[in-house]
Amino acid sequence: MKLHYKKTELPFEYPFTISGGRTKTHQPSLIVALQLGNLIGYGEAPAITYYNITVEQMIEDIEKKKPMIEKFAFTTPDRYWHYLHHLIPNNPFLVCALDMATWDLFGKMRNQPLYKLWNTTWENIPVCDYTLGIDSIDKMIEKMQRKPWPVYKIKVGTDNDIATIEALRKHTDAAFRVDANAGWQLNEALEKIPVLKELGVELVEQPLAKEAWDDMKILYEQSPLPLLADESCVFENDVEKCVGHFHGINIKLVKCSGITPALRMIEKARQLNLKIMMGSMNECTVGSAAIAQFLPQLDYVDMDGPLLLKEDIATGLTYNNGIVTVADEPGLGIRLDQF
């Protein structure tokens, strides 16, 4: 195989802020391409500062290991993932991008979309939410009114959480989901969640710090709303820990290190009767198309990166009032304008 890569830095439509005052105006990402003969598979890994992953670090790791990455005798994606997992053990984001490209390539070799390779059918597709980052209440109302949508994911974790949801509720009947990004304390969560339920919130994502397992058990037992783990569920071995602490998990492809482990996480979560969301890290259409292939297996989905970004580098996904469709083409079903 031949490996190609490039950095992208796509601007957000609005500055994107989550709890802790973490704001960004652009999303840097690494786009990779694996070529085998005339076929090319694509993958993406966004850089996330609070996970200490930069595009420059991913490129440095590529350059160190490029001959080894290219020389593998490719047969199936799972075998290649295991090889990459040991070859690049400290960079799951890069492993994800390469694993994604491998699956795209494999789907093209088999001439099928991935969801068909996984023996799923395009039905019971969950509605994709649209995320409102933390901002002034007036600005959040403006963002919502400019993007009428059936489900909003609302970033919380400030002193104005309840006032914000109350104000937004006055302007829409849409379903709300809130994401605290580990920004609440236990007492705060116990006070806020019943009020949020009355305001039409349907679930809460990562209310407490990722290591607050004892407090999460208390909250799990008392919460009137489903609680989904994000920062507390990163890798495969985190899934079982969530039982009795969360009602479901949010799988992020880049954090868990790719499509291959995500498939196993879904299988494990189903065995444990946990709900499954798949979320994005503001990927463009490349990474979002990988999430789309999982849609028939999910209860919830948050794959609105292409809606939040002002620019894109690929086509193949369609968003229509929360319903996502993917081009019925092999692999990820995307086309890159240029690489």
C-alpha atoms as a PDB file:
ATOM      1  CA  MET A   1       0.000   0.000   0.000  1.00  0.00           C
ATOM      2  CA  LYS A   2       0.959   3.625  -0.489  1.00  0.00           C
ATOM      3  CA  LEU A   3       0.162   6.162   2.229  1.00  0.00           C
ATOM      4  CA  HIS A   4      -0.627   9.805   1.510  1.00  0.00           C
ATOM      5  CA  TYR A   5      -1.715  12.470   3.987  1.00  0.00           C
ATOM      6  CA  LYS A   6      -2.506  16.149   4.362  1.00  0.00           C
ATOM      7  CA  LYS A   7      -3.529  18.616   7.037  1.00  0.00           C
ATOM      8  CA  THR A   8      -6.801  20.532   6.844  1.00  0.00           C
ATOM      9  CA  GLU A   9      -7.983  23.384   9.038  1.00  0.00           C
ATOM     10  CA  LEU A  10     -11.642  24.095   8.349  1.00  0.00           C
ATOM     11  CA  PRO A  11     -13.437  27.087   9.920  1.00  0.00           C
ATOM     12  CA  PHE A  12     -16.541  26.775  12.076  1.00  0.00           C
ATOM     13  CA  GLU A  13     -19.629  28.761  11.180  1.00  0.00           C
ATOM     14  CA  TYR A  14     -19.626  30.014  14.788  1.00  0.00           C
ATOM     15  CA  PRO A  15     -16.873  29.850  17.437  1.00  0.00           C
ATOM     16  CA  PHE A  16     -17.414  26.509  19.197  1.00  0.00           C
ATOM     17  CA  THR A  17     -17.281  26.502  23.013  1.00  0.00           C
ATOM     18  CA  ILE A  18     -17.759  23.709  25.559  1.00  0.00           C
ATOM     19  CA  SER A  19     -17.540  23.656  29.367  1.00  0.00           C
ATOM     20  CA  GLY A  20     -14.307  24.873  30.871  1.00  0.00           C
ATOM     21  CA  GLY A  21     -14.156  27.792  28.456  1.00  0.00           C
ATOM     22  CA  ARG A  22     -12.610  25.704  25.672  1.00  0.00           C
ATOM     23  CA  THR A  23     -13.276  27.582  22.425  1.00  0.00           C
ATOM     24  CA  LYS A  24     -12.084  27.048  18.863  1.00  0.00           C
ATOM     25  CA  THR A  25     -12.757  28.808  15.575  1.00  0.00           C
ATOM     26  CA  HIS A  26     -11.213  26.177  13.266  1.00  0.00           C
ATOM     27  CA  GLN A  27     -10.973  22.398  13.313  1.00  0.00           C
ATOM     28  CA  PRO A  28      -7.529  21.050  12.363  1.00  0.00           C
ATOM     29  CA  SER A  29      -7.603  17.474  11.068  1.00  0.00           C
ATOM     30  CA  LEU A  30      -5.361  14.926   9.422  1.00  0.00           C
ATOM     31  CA  ILE A  31      -6.723  13.336   6.246  1.00  0.00           C
ATOM     32  CA  VAL A  32      -5.046  10.102   5.160  1.00  0.00           C
ATOM     33  CA  ALA A  33      -5.315   8.038   1.990  1.00  0.00           C
ATOM     34  CA  LEU A  34      -4.252   4.415   1.569  1.00  0.00           C
ATOM     35  CA  GLN A  35      -3.784   3.350  -2.051  1.00  0.00           C
ATOM     36  CA  LEU A  36      -3.766  -0.224  -3.273  1.00  0.00           C
ATOM     37  CA  GLY A  37      -3.581  -0.427  -7.045  1.00  0.00           C
ATOM     38  CA  ASN A  38      -6.254   1.875  -8.464  1.00  0.00           C
ATOM     39  CA  LEU A  39      -8.302   1.906  -5.254  1.00  0.00           C
ATOM     40  CA  ILE A  40      -7.937   4.580  -2.559  1.00  0.00           C
ATOM     41  CA  GLY A  41      -9.413   4.579   0.916  1.00  0.00           C
ATOM     42  CA  TYR A  42      -9.757   7.756   3.001  1.00  0.00           C
ATOM     43  CA  GLY A  43      -9.740   8.436   6.722  1.00  0.00           C
ATOM     44  CA  GLU A  44      -9.792  11.404   9.077  1.00  0.00           C
ATOM     45  CA  ALA A  45      -8.587  12.214  12.583  1.00  0.00           C
ATOM     46  CA  PRO A  46      -9.394  15.637  14.035  1.00  0.00           C
ATOM     47  CA  ALA A  47      -6.887  17.130  16.460  1.00  0.00           C
ATOM     48  CA  ILE A  48      -8.292  17.624  19.973  1.00  0.00           C
ATOM     49  CA  THR A  49      -6.208  19.747  22.344  1.00  0.00           C
ATOM     50  CA  TYR A  50      -7.679  18.408  25.606  1.00  0.00           C
ATOM     51  CA  TYR A  51      -6.616  14.909  24.506  1.00  0.00           C
ATOM     52  CA  ASN A  52      -3.144  16.270  23.728  1.00  0.00           C
ATOM     53  CA  ILE A  53      -3.364  15.217  20.092  1.00  0.00           C
ATOM     54  CA  THR A  54      -2.150  17.571  17.354  1.00  0.00           C
ATOM     55  CA  VAL A  55      -1.936  17.099  13.611  1.00  0.00           C
ATOM     56  CA  GLU A  56       1.798  17.719  13.841  1.00  0.00           C
ATOM     57  CA  GLN A  57       2.175  14.854  16.285  1.00  0.00           C
ATOM     58  CA  MET A  58       0.199  12.530  14.012  1.00  0.00           C
ATOM     59  CA  ILE A  59       2.372  13.511  11.046  1.00  0.00           C
ATOM     60  CA  GLU A  60       5.531  12.943  13.101  1.00  0.00           C
ATOM     61  CA  ASP A  61       4.327   9.446  14.018  1.00  0.00           C
ATOM     62  CA  ILE A  62       3.483   8.738  10.373  1.00  0.00           C
ATOM     63  CA  GLU A  63       6.943   9.737   9.206  1.00  0.00           C
ATOM     64  CA  LYS A  64       8.573   7.523  11.823  1.00  0.00           C
ATOM     65  CA  LYS A  65       6.505   4.486  10.893  1.00  0.00           C
ATOM     66  CA  LYS A  66       5.579   5.093   7.245  1.00  0.00           C
ATOM     67  CA  PRO A  67       7.608   2.194   5.749  1.00  0.00           C
ATOM     68  CA  MET A  68       6.036  -0.189   8.285  1.00  0.00           C
ATOM     69  CA  ILE A  69       2.545   1.189   7.663  1.00  0.00           C
ATOM     70  CA  GLU A  70       2.922   0.699   3.915  1.00  0.00           C
ATOM     71  CA  LYS A  71       4.558  -2.707   3.875  1.00  0.00           C
ATOM     72  CA  PHE A  72       1.765  -4.653   5.618  1.00  0.00           C
ATOM     73  CA  ALA A  73       0.257  -7.360   3.377  1.00  0.00           C
ATOM     74  CA  PHE A  74      -3.359  -6.231   3.608  1.00  0.00           C
ATOM     75  CA  THR A  75      -6.120  -8.831   3.800  1.00  0.00           C
ATOM     76  CA  THR A  76      -8.813  -7.614   6.218  1.00  0.00           C
ATOM     77  CA  PRO A  77      -9.262  -4.400   8.251  1.00  0.00           C
ATOM     78  CA  ASP A  78      -9.324  -6.119  11.639  1.00  0.00           C
ATOM     79  CA  ARG A  79      -5.915  -7.725  11.050  1.00  0.00           C
ATOM     80  CA  TYR A  80      -4.490  -4.395   9.924  1.00  0.00           C
ATOM     81  CA  TRP A  81      -5.968  -2.614  12.973  1.00  0.00           C
ATOM     82  CA  HIS A  82      -4.248  -5.074  15.316  1.00  0.00           C
ATOM     83  CA  TYR A  83      -0.977  -4.441  13.478  1.00  0.00           C
ATOM     84  CA  LEU A  84      -1.403  -0.653  13.720  1.00  0.00           C
ATOM     85  CA  HIS A  85      -2.519  -0.853  17.348  1.00  0.00           C
ATOM     86  CA  HIS A  86       0.843  -2.370  18.286  1.00  0.00           C
ATOM     87  CA  LEU A  87       2.866  -0.349  15.781  1.00  0.00           C
ATOM     88  CA  ILE A  88       1.525   3.027  17.018  1.00  0.00           C
ATOM     89  CA  PRO A  89       0.374   2.270  20.593  1.00  0.00           C
ATOM     90  CA  ASN A  90       0.299   5.844  21.883  1.00  0.00           C
ATOM     91  CA  ASN A  91      -1.700   7.575  19.146  1.00  0.00           C
ATOM     92  CA  PRO A  92      -5.253   6.167  18.858  1.00  0.00           C
ATOM     93  CA  PHE A  93      -6.304   9.146  16.739  1.00  0.00           C
ATOM     94  CA  LEU A  94      -3.807   8.271  14.013  1.00  0.00           C
ATOM     95  CA  VAL A  95      -4.695   4.581  14.248  1.00  0.00           C
ATOM     96  CA  CYS A  96      -8.330   5.598  13.754  1.00  0.00           C
ATOM     97  CA  ALA A  97      -7.593   7.574  10.586  1.00  0.00           C
ATOM     98  CA  LEU A  98      -5.643   4.667   9.107  1.00  0.00           C
ATOM     99  CA  ASP A  99      -8.259   2.113  10.202  1.00  0.00           C
ATOM    100  CA  MET A 100     -11.003   4.233   8.626  1.00  0.00           C
ATOM    101  CA  ALA A 101      -9.056   4.444   5.357  1.00  0.00           C
ATOM    102  CA  THR A 102      -8.568   0.689   5.469  1.00  0.00           C
ATOM    103  CA  TRP A 103     -12.293   0.038   5.830  1.00  0.00           C
ATOM    104  CA  ASP A 104     -13.030   2.463   2.986  1.00  0.00           C
ATOM    105  CA  LEU A 105     -10.498   0.595   0.855  1.00  0.00           C
ATOM    106  CA  PHE A 106     -11.903  -2.786   1.887  1.00  0.00           C
ATOM    107  CA  GLY A 107     -15.447  -1.726   0.987  1.00  0.00           C
ATOM    108  CA  LYS A 108     -14.212  -0.653  -2.443  1.00  0.00           C
ATOM    109  CA  MET A 109     -12.440  -3.984  -2.875  1.00  0.00           C
ATOM    110  CA  ARG A 110     -15.697  -5.775  -2.032  1.00  0.00           C
ATOM    111  CA  ASN A 111     -17.791  -3.229  -3.973  1.00  0.00           C
ATOM    112  CA  GLN A 112     -20.166  -2.666  -1.039  1.00  0.00           C
ATOM    113  CA  PRO A 113     -20.925   0.066   1.479  1.00  0.00           C
ATOM    114  CA  LEU A 114     -19.666  -0.822   4.928  1.00  0.00           C
ATOM    115  CA  TYR A 115     -23.117  -1.119   6.480  1.00  0.00           C
ATOM    116  CA  LYS A 116     -23.882  -3.902   3.999  1.00  0.00           C
ATOM    117  CA  LEU A 117     -20.572  -5.622   4.729  1.00  0.00           C
ATOM    118  CA  TRP A 118     -21.676  -5.621   8.373  1.00  0.00           C
ATOM    119  CA  ASN A 119     -24.984  -7.288   7.450  1.00  0.00           C
ATOM    120  CA  THR A 120     -27.126  -4.329   8.505  1.00  0.00           C
ATOM    121  CA  THR A 121     -29.973  -2.751   6.561  1.00  0.00           C
ATOM    122  CA  TRP A 122     -30.699   0.946   6.132  1.00  0.00           C
ATOM    123  CA  GLU A 123     -33.678   1.173   8.481  1.00  0.00           C
ATOM    124  CA  ASN A 124     -34.505   2.482  11.971  1.00  0.00           C
ATOM    125  CA  ILE A 125     -32.048   5.315  11.397  1.00  0.00           C
ATOM    126  CA  PRO A 126     -31.767   7.691  14.404  1.00  0.00           C
ATOM    127  CA  VAL A 127     -32.170  11.425  13.894  1.00  0.00           C
ATOM    128  CA  CYS A 128     -28.938  13.413  13.966  1.00  0.00           C
ATOM    129  CA  ASP A 129     -28.882  16.318  16.407  1.00  0.00           C
ATOM    130  CA  TYR A 130     -27.476  19.809  15.815  1.00  0.00           C
ATOM    131  CA  THR A 131     -25.117  21.130  18.478  1.00  0.00           C
ATOM    132  CA  LEU A 132     -25.371  24.545  20.105  1.00  0.00           C
ATOM    133  CA  GLY A 133     -22.060  25.451  21.706  1.00  0.00           C
ATOM    134  CA  ILE A 134     -21.910  27.538  24.878  1.00  0.00           C
ATOM    135  CA  ASP A 135     -22.537  31.216  24.184  1.00  0.00           C
ATOM    136  CA  SER A 136     -24.676  34.093  25.392  1.00  0.00           C
ATOM    137  CA  ILE A 137     -28.355  33.171  25.582  1.00  0.00           C
ATOM    138  CA  ASP A 138     -29.245  35.599  22.788  1.00  0.00           C
ATOM    139  CA  LYS A 139     -26.548  34.145  20.544  1.00  0.00           C
ATOM    140  CA  MET A 140     -27.666  30.567  21.230  1.00  0.00           C
ATOM    141  CA  ILE A 141     -31.253  31.512  20.370  1.00  0.00           C
ATOM    142  CA  GLU A 142     -29.982  33.120  17.158  1.00  0.00           C
ATOM    143  CA  LYS A 143     -28.031  29.977  16.220  1.00  0.00           C
ATOM    144  CA  MET A 144     -31.064  27.790  16.867  1.00  0.00           C
ATOM    145  CA  GLN A 145     -33.411  29.986  14.846  1.00  0.00           C
ATOM    146  CA  ARG A 146     -30.991  30.021  11.918  1.00  0.00           C
ATOM    147  CA  LYS A 147     -30.926  26.206  11.930  1.00  0.00           C
ATOM    148  CA  PRO A 148     -34.452  24.819  12.536  1.00  0.00           C
ATOM    149  CA  TRP A 149     -33.869  21.204  13.565  1.00  0.00           C
ATOM    150  CA  PRO A 150     -35.836  18.389  15.237  1.00  0.00           C
ATOM    151  CA  VAL A 151     -33.190  17.644  17.911  1.00  0.00           C
ATOM    152  CA  TYR A 152     -30.658  19.984  19.487  1.00  0.00           C
ATOM    153  CA  LYS A 153     -27.632  18.961  21.515  1.00  0.00           C
ATOM    154  CA  ILE A 154     -26.911  21.814  23.909  1.00  0.00           C
ATOM    155  CA  LYS A 155     -23.542  22.277  25.553  1.00  0.00           C
ATOM    156  CA  VAL A 156     -23.912  23.133  29.255  1.00  0.00           C
ATOM    157  CA  GLY A 157     -21.614  23.481  32.258  1.00  0.00           C
ATOM    158  CA  THR A 158     -22.084  27.104  33.367  1.00  0.00           C
ATOM    159  CA  ASP A 159     -24.030  28.917  36.079  1.00  0.00           C
ATOM    160  CA  ASN A 160     -26.682  29.759  33.460  1.00  0.00           C
ATOM    161  CA  ASP A 161     -27.569  26.219  32.359  1.00  0.00           C
ATOM    162  CA  ILE A 162     -31.206  26.254  33.458  1.00  0.00           C
ATOM    163  CA  ALA A 163     -31.818  29.826  32.295  1.00  0.00           C
ATOM    164  CA  THR A 164     -30.333  28.914  28.905  1.00  0.00           C
ATOM    165  CA  ILE A 165     -32.551  25.862  28.422  1.00  0.00           C
ATOM    166  CA  GLU A 166     -35.620  27.799  29.608  1.00  0.00           C
ATOM    167  CA  ALA A 167     -34.905  30.557  27.090  1.00  0.00           C
ATOM    168  CA  LEU A 168     -34.306  28.134  24.213  1.00  0.00           C
ATOM    169  CA  ARG A 169     -37.464  26.187  25.056  1.00  0.00           C
ATOM    170  CA  LYS A 170     -39.552  29.319  24.505  1.00  0.00           C
ATOM    171  CA  HIS A 171     -38.539  29.282  20.831  1.00  0.00           C
ATOM    172  CA  THR A 172     -38.901  25.623  19.814  1.00  0.00           C
ATOM    173  CA  ASP A 173     -40.701  22.353  20.527  1.00  0.00           C
ATOM    174  CA  ALA A 174     -37.694  20.343  19.348  1.00  0.00           C
ATOM    175  CA  ALA A 175     -36.176  17.633  21.522  1.00  0.00           C
ATOM    176  CA  PHE A 176     -33.198  18.716  23.626  1.00  0.00           C
ATOM    177  CA  ARG A 177     -30.152  16.754  24.714  1.00  0.00           C
ATOM    178  CA  VAL A 178     -27.605  18.325  27.032  1.00  0.00           C
ATOM    179  CA  ASP A 179     -23.895  17.640  27.224  1.00  0.00           C
ATOM    180  CA  ALA A 180     -22.066  18.810  30.331  1.00  0.00           C
ATOM    181  CA  ASN A 181     -18.654  17.573  29.149  1.00  0.00           C
ATOM    182  CA  ALA A 182     -17.883  16.536  32.747  1.00  0.00           C
ATOM    183  CA  GLY A 183     -18.649  20.065  33.940  1.00  0.00           C
ATOM    184  CA  TRP A 184     -21.014  19.408  36.878  1.00  0.00           C
ATOM    185  CA  GLN A 185     -20.612  18.326  40.492  1.00  0.00           C
ATOM    186  CA  LEU A 186     -22.952  15.674  41.923  1.00  0.00           C
ATOM    187  CA  ASN A 187     -25.197  18.047  43.910  1.00  0.00           C
ATOM    188  CA  GLU A 188     -25.447  20.351  40.911  1.00  0.00           C
ATOM    189  CA  ALA A 189     -26.487  17.474  38.664  1.00  0.00           C
ATOM    190  CA  LEU A 190     -29.055  16.218  41.174  1.00  0.00           C
ATOM    191  CA  GLU A 191     -30.615  19.696  41.242  1.00  0.00           C
ATOM    192  CA  LYS A 192     -30.504  20.429  37.525  1.00  0.00           C
ATOM    193  CA  ILE A 193     -31.552  17.146  35.919  1.00  0.00           C
ATOM    194  CA  PRO A 194     -35.168  17.047  37.250  1.00  0.00           C
ATOM    195  CA  VAL A 195     -35.649  20.630  36.046  1.00  0.00           C
ATOM    196  CA  LEU A 196     -34.179  19.756  32.648  1.00  0.00           C
ATOM    197  CA  LYS A 197     -36.598  16.852  32.341  1.00  0.00           C
ATOM    198  CA  GLU A 198     -39.512  19.263  32.824  1.00  0.00           C
ATOM    199  CA  LEU A 199     -38.042  21.425  30.054  1.00  0.00           C
ATOM    200  CA  GLY A 200     -38.142  18.594  27.514  1.00  0.00           C
ATOM    201  CA  VAL A 201     -34.563  17.351  27.756  1.00  0.00           C
ATOM    202  CA  GLU A 202     -34.391  13.670  26.761  1.00  0.00           C
ATOM    203  CA  LEU A 203     -30.891  12.696  27.973  1.00  0.00           C
ATOM    204  CA  VAL A 204     -27.760  14.002  29.652  1.00  0.00           C
ATOM    205  CA  GLU A 205     -24.281  13.282  28.362  1.00  0.00           C
ATOM    206  CA  GLN A 206     -21.280  13.008  30.703  1.00  0.00           C
ATOM    207  CA  PRO A 207     -22.626  15.037  33.632  1.00  0.00           C
ATOM    208  CA  LEU A 208     -19.686  14.461  36.016  1.00  0.00           C
ATOM    209  CA  ALA A 209     -15.916  14.152  35.829  1.00  0.00           C
ATOM    210  CA  LYS A 210     -14.746  11.041  34.024  1.00  0.00           C
ATOM    211  CA  GLU A 211     -13.213   9.509  37.144  1.00  0.00           C
ATOM    212  CA  ALA A 212     -16.195  10.253  39.456  1.00  0.00           C
ATOM    213  CA  TRP A 213     -17.484   6.674  39.436  1.00  0.00           C
ATOM    214  CA  ASP A 214     -18.862   6.696  42.995  1.00  0.00           C
ATOM    215  CA  ASP A 215     -20.820   9.898  42.377  1.00  0.00           C
ATOM    216  CA  MET A 216     -22.016   8.594  39.020  1.00  0.00           C
ATOM    217  CA  LYS A 217     -23.481   5.533  40.728  1.00  0.00           C
ATOM    218  CA  ILE A 218     -25.506   7.793  43.036  1.00  0.00           C
ATOM    219  CA  LEU A 219     -26.621   9.965  40.126  1.00  0.00           C
ATOM    220  CA  TYR A 220     -27.513   6.903  38.030  1.00  0.00           C
ATOM    221  CA  GLU A 221     -29.769   5.628  40.806  1.00  0.00           C
ATOM    222  CA  GLN A 222     -31.586   8.962  41.202  1.00  0.00           C
ATOM    223  CA  SER A 223     -31.612  10.555  37.744  1.00  0.00           C
ATOM    224  CA  PRO A 224     -35.006  10.830  36.019  1.00  0.00           C
ATOM    225  CA  LEU A 225     -33.186  11.116  32.664  1.00  0.00           C
ATOM    226  CA  PRO A 226     -30.896   8.656  30.843  1.00  0.00           C
ATOM    227  CA  LEU A 227     -27.203   9.348  31.393  1.00  0.00           C
ATOM    228  CA  LEU A 228     -24.684   8.627  28.629  1.00  0.00           C
ATOM    229  CA  ALA A 229     -20.943   8.221  29.121  1.00  0.00           C
ATOM    230  CA  ASP A 230     -18.535  10.064  26.855  1.00  0.00           C
ATOM    231  CA  GLU A 231     -15.274  10.979  28.584  1.00  0.00           C
ATOM    232  CA  SER A 232     -15.836   7.980  30.904  1.00  0.00           C
ATOM    233  CA  CYS A 233     -16.058   5.572  27.966  1.00  0.00           C
ATOM    234  CA  VAL A 234     -13.103   5.909  25.621  1.00  0.00           C
ATOM    235  CA  PHE A 235     -11.755   2.425  24.944  1.00  0.00           C
ATOM    236  CA  GLU A 236     -13.233  -1.057  24.716  1.00  0.00           C
ATOM    237  CA  ASN A 237     -12.423  -1.932  28.323  1.00  0.00           C
ATOM    238  CA  ASP A 238     -14.445   1.079  29.518  1.00  0.00           C
ATOM    239  CA  VAL A 239     -17.786  -0.277  28.272  1.00  0.00           C
ATOM    240  CA  GLU A 240     -18.341  -2.772  31.087  1.00  0.00           C
ATOM    241  CA  LYS A 241     -17.369  -0.168  33.716  1.00  0.00           C
ATOM    242  CA  CYS A 242     -20.368   1.914  32.654  1.00  0.00           C
ATOM    243  CA  VAL A 243     -22.924  -0.650  33.801  1.00  0.00           C
ATOM    244  CA  GLY A 244     -24.669   0.656  36.931  1.00  0.00           C
ATOM    245  CA  HIS A 245     -23.250   4.143  36.363  1.00  0.00           C
ATOM    246  CA  PHE A 246     -24.658   5.137  32.956  1.00  0.00           C
ATOM    247  CA  HIS A 247     -27.627   4.102  30.854  1.00  0.00           C
ATOM    248  CA  GLY A 248     -25.621   4.205  27.645  1.00  0.00           C
ATOM    249  CA  ILE A 249     -22.341   5.104  26.003  1.00  0.00           C
ATOM    250  CA  ASN A 250     -21.213   7.595  23.382  1.00  0.00           C
ATOM    251  CA  ILE A 251     -18.586   6.050  21.102  1.00  0.00           C
ATOM    252  CA  LYS A 252     -16.116   8.397  19.417  1.00  0.00           C
ATOM    253  CA  LEU A 253     -14.182   6.728  16.610  1.00  0.00           C
ATOM    254  CA  VAL A 254     -11.021   8.761  17.068  1.00  0.00           C
ATOM    255  CA  LYS A 255     -10.900   8.192  20.811  1.00  0.00           C
ATOM    256  CA  CYS A 256     -11.453   4.433  20.708  1.00  0.00           C
ATOM    257  CA  SER A 257      -8.947   4.151  17.805  1.00  0.00           C
ATOM    258  CA  GLY A 258     -11.209   3.385  14.881  1.00  0.00           C
ATOM    259  CA  ILE A 259     -14.040   1.523  13.232  1.00  0.00           C
ATOM    260  CA  THR A 260     -12.682  -1.906  14.181  1.00  0.00           C
ATOM    261  CA  PRO A 261     -12.856  -1.455  17.980  1.00  0.00           C
ATOM    262  CA  ALA A 262     -16.112   0.519  17.671  1.00  0.00           C
ATOM    263  CA  LEU A 263     -17.796  -2.544  16.182  1.00  0.00           C
ATOM    264  CA  ARG A 264     -16.717  -4.571  19.203  1.00  0.00           C
ATOM    265  CA  MET A 265     -17.856  -1.836  21.601  1.00  0.00           C
ATOM    266  CA  ILE A 266     -21.326  -1.882  20.060  1.00  0.00           C
ATOM    267  CA  GLU A 267     -21.531  -5.642  20.395  1.00  0.00           C
ATOM    268  CA  LYS A 268     -20.458  -5.465  24.041  1.00  0.00           C
ATOM    269  CA  ALA A 269     -22.854  -2.628  24.850  1.00  0.00           C
ATOM    270  CA  ARG A 270     -25.783  -4.570  23.375  1.00  0.00           C
ATOM    271  CA  GLN A 271     -24.871  -7.572  25.523  1.00  0.00           C
ATOM    272  CA  LEU A 272     -24.896  -5.303  28.593  1.00  0.00           C
ATOM    273  CA  ASN A 273     -28.202  -3.612  27.653  1.00  0.00           C
ATOM    274  CA  LEU A 274     -26.589  -0.187  27.273  1.00  0.00           C
ATOM    275  CA  LYS A 275     -27.946   2.377  24.826  1.00  0.00           C
ATOM    276  CA  ILE A 276     -25.553   3.401  22.053  1.00  0.00           C
ATOM    277  CA  MET A 277     -24.788   6.836  20.720  1.00  0.00           C
ATOM    278  CA  MET A 278     -22.009   7.568  18.270  1.00  0.00           C
ATOM    279  CA  GLY A 279     -20.641  11.061  18.448  1.00  0.00           C
ATOM    280  CA  SER A 280     -18.363  13.258  16.422  1.00  0.00           C
ATOM    281  CA  MET A 281     -15.334  15.397  17.159  1.00  0.00           C
ATOM    282  CA  ASN A 282     -16.304  17.940  14.494  1.00  0.00           C
ATOM    283  CA  GLU A 283     -15.092  15.781  11.612  1.00  0.00           C
ATOM    284  CA  CYS A 284     -15.845  16.909   8.085  1.00  0.00           C
ATOM    285  CA  THR A 285     -17.659  14.609   5.656  1.00  0.00           C
ATOM    286  CA  VAL A 286     -14.758  12.127   5.577  1.00  0.00           C
ATOM    287  CA  GLY A 287     -14.974  11.136   9.239  1.00  0.00           C
ATOM    288  CA  SER A 288     -18.718  11.753   9.422  1.00  0.00           C
ATOM    289  CA  ALA A 289     -19.320   9.285   6.592  1.00  0.00           C
ATOM    290  CA  ALA A 290     -17.660   6.607   8.714  1.00  0.00           C
ATOM    291  CA  ILE A 291     -20.120   7.377  11.514  1.00  0.00           C
ATOM    292  CA  ALA A 292     -22.979   7.221   8.994  1.00  0.00           C
ATOM    293  CA  GLN A 293     -22.154   3.615   8.130  1.00  0.00           C
ATOM    294  CA  PHE A 294     -22.996   2.727  11.768  1.00  0.00           C
ATOM    295  CA  LEU A 295     -26.421   4.402  11.723  1.00  0.00           C
ATOM    296  CA  PRO A 296     -28.502   1.190  11.553  1.00  0.00           C
ATOM    297  CA  GLN A 297     -26.778   0.004  14.759  1.00  0.00           C
ATOM    298  CA  LEU A 298     -27.309   3.154  16.856  1.00  0.00           C
ATOM    299  CA  ASP A 299     -29.936   4.511  19.234  1.00  0.00           C
ATOM    300  CA  TYR A 300     -28.686   8.101  18.994  1.00  0.00           C
ATOM    301  CA  VAL A 301     -26.259   9.904  16.735  1.00  0.00           C
ATOM    302  CA  ASP A 302     -24.345  13.173  16.922  1.00  0.00           C
ATOM    303  CA  MET A 303     -22.585  13.568  13.572  1.00  0.00           C
ATOM    304  CA  ASP A 304     -23.145  17.228  12.803  1.00  0.00           C
ATOM    305  CA  GLY A 305     -19.557  18.216  12.004  1.00  0.00           C
ATOM    306  CA  PRO A 306     -20.383  19.042   8.358  1.00  0.00           C
ATOM    307  CA  LEU A 307     -23.252  21.249   9.602  1.00  0.00           C
ATOM    308  CA  LEU A 308     -21.046  23.163  12.039  1.00  0.00           C
ATOM    309  CA  LEU A 309     -18.168  23.753   9.613  1.00  0.00           C
ATOM    310  CA  LYS A 310     -18.289  26.472   6.954  1.00  0.00           C
ATOM    311  CA  GLU A 311     -16.251  24.426   4.473  1.00  0.00           C
ATOM    312  CA  ASP A 312     -15.788  20.778   3.550  1.00  0.00           C
ATOM    313  CA  ILE A 313     -13.444  18.718   1.399  1.00  0.00           C
ATOM    314  CA  ALA A 314     -15.719  15.824   0.429  1.00  0.00           C
ATOM    315  CA  THR A 315     -19.242  14.988  -0.690  1.00  0.00           C
ATOM    316  CA  GLY A 316     -21.463  11.977  -0.138  1.00  0.00           C
ATOM    317  CA  LEU A 317     -23.596  12.819   2.907  1.00  0.00           C
ATOM    318  CA  THR A 318     -26.999  14.492   2.878  1.00  0.00           C
ATOM    319  CA  TYR A 319     -28.691  16.027   5.938  1.00  0.00           C
ATOM    320  CA  ASN A 320     -32.423  16.654   5.648  1.00  0.00           C
ATOM    321  CA  ASN A 321     -34.054  17.877   8.851  1.00  0.00           C
ATOM    322  CA  GLY A 322     -31.994  15.480  10.924  1.00  0.00           C
ATOM    323  CA  ILE A 323     -32.226  12.501   8.592  1.00  0.00           C
ATOM    324  CA  VAL A 324     -28.842  11.483   7.197  1.00  0.00           C
ATOM    325  CA  THR A 325     -28.414   9.603   3.945  1.00  0.00           C
ATOM    326  CA  VAL A 326     -25.146   8.382   2.519  1.00  0.00           C
ATOM    327  CA  ALA A 327     -24.361   7.757  -1.133  1.00  0.00           C
ATOM    328  CA  ASP A 328     -24.935   4.094  -1.974  1.00  0.00           C
ATOM    329  CA  GLU A 329     -21.370   3.600  -3.114  1.00  0.00           C
ATOM    330  CA  PRO A 330     -18.637   1.241  -1.914  1.00  0.00           C
ATOM    331  CA  GLY A 331     -16.750   1.882   1.313  1.00  0.00           C
ATOM    332  CA  LEU A 332     -17.586   5.156   3.040  1.00  0.00           C
ATOM    333  CA  GLY A 333     -19.550   6.371   0.032  1.00  0.00           C
ATOM    334  CA  ILE A 334     -17.687   9.662  -0.302  1.00  0.00           C
ATOM    335  CA  ARG A 335     -15.835  11.553  -2.988  1.00  0.00           C
ATOM    336  CA  LEU A 336     -12.999  13.972  -2.304  1.00  0.00           C
ATOM    337  CA  ASP A 337     -12.830  17.090  -4.424  1.00  0.00           C
ATOM    338  CA  GLN A 338      -9.045  16.918  -4.353  1.00  0.00           C
ATOM    339  CA  PHE A 339      -6.326  15.378  -2.247  1.00  0.00           C
END
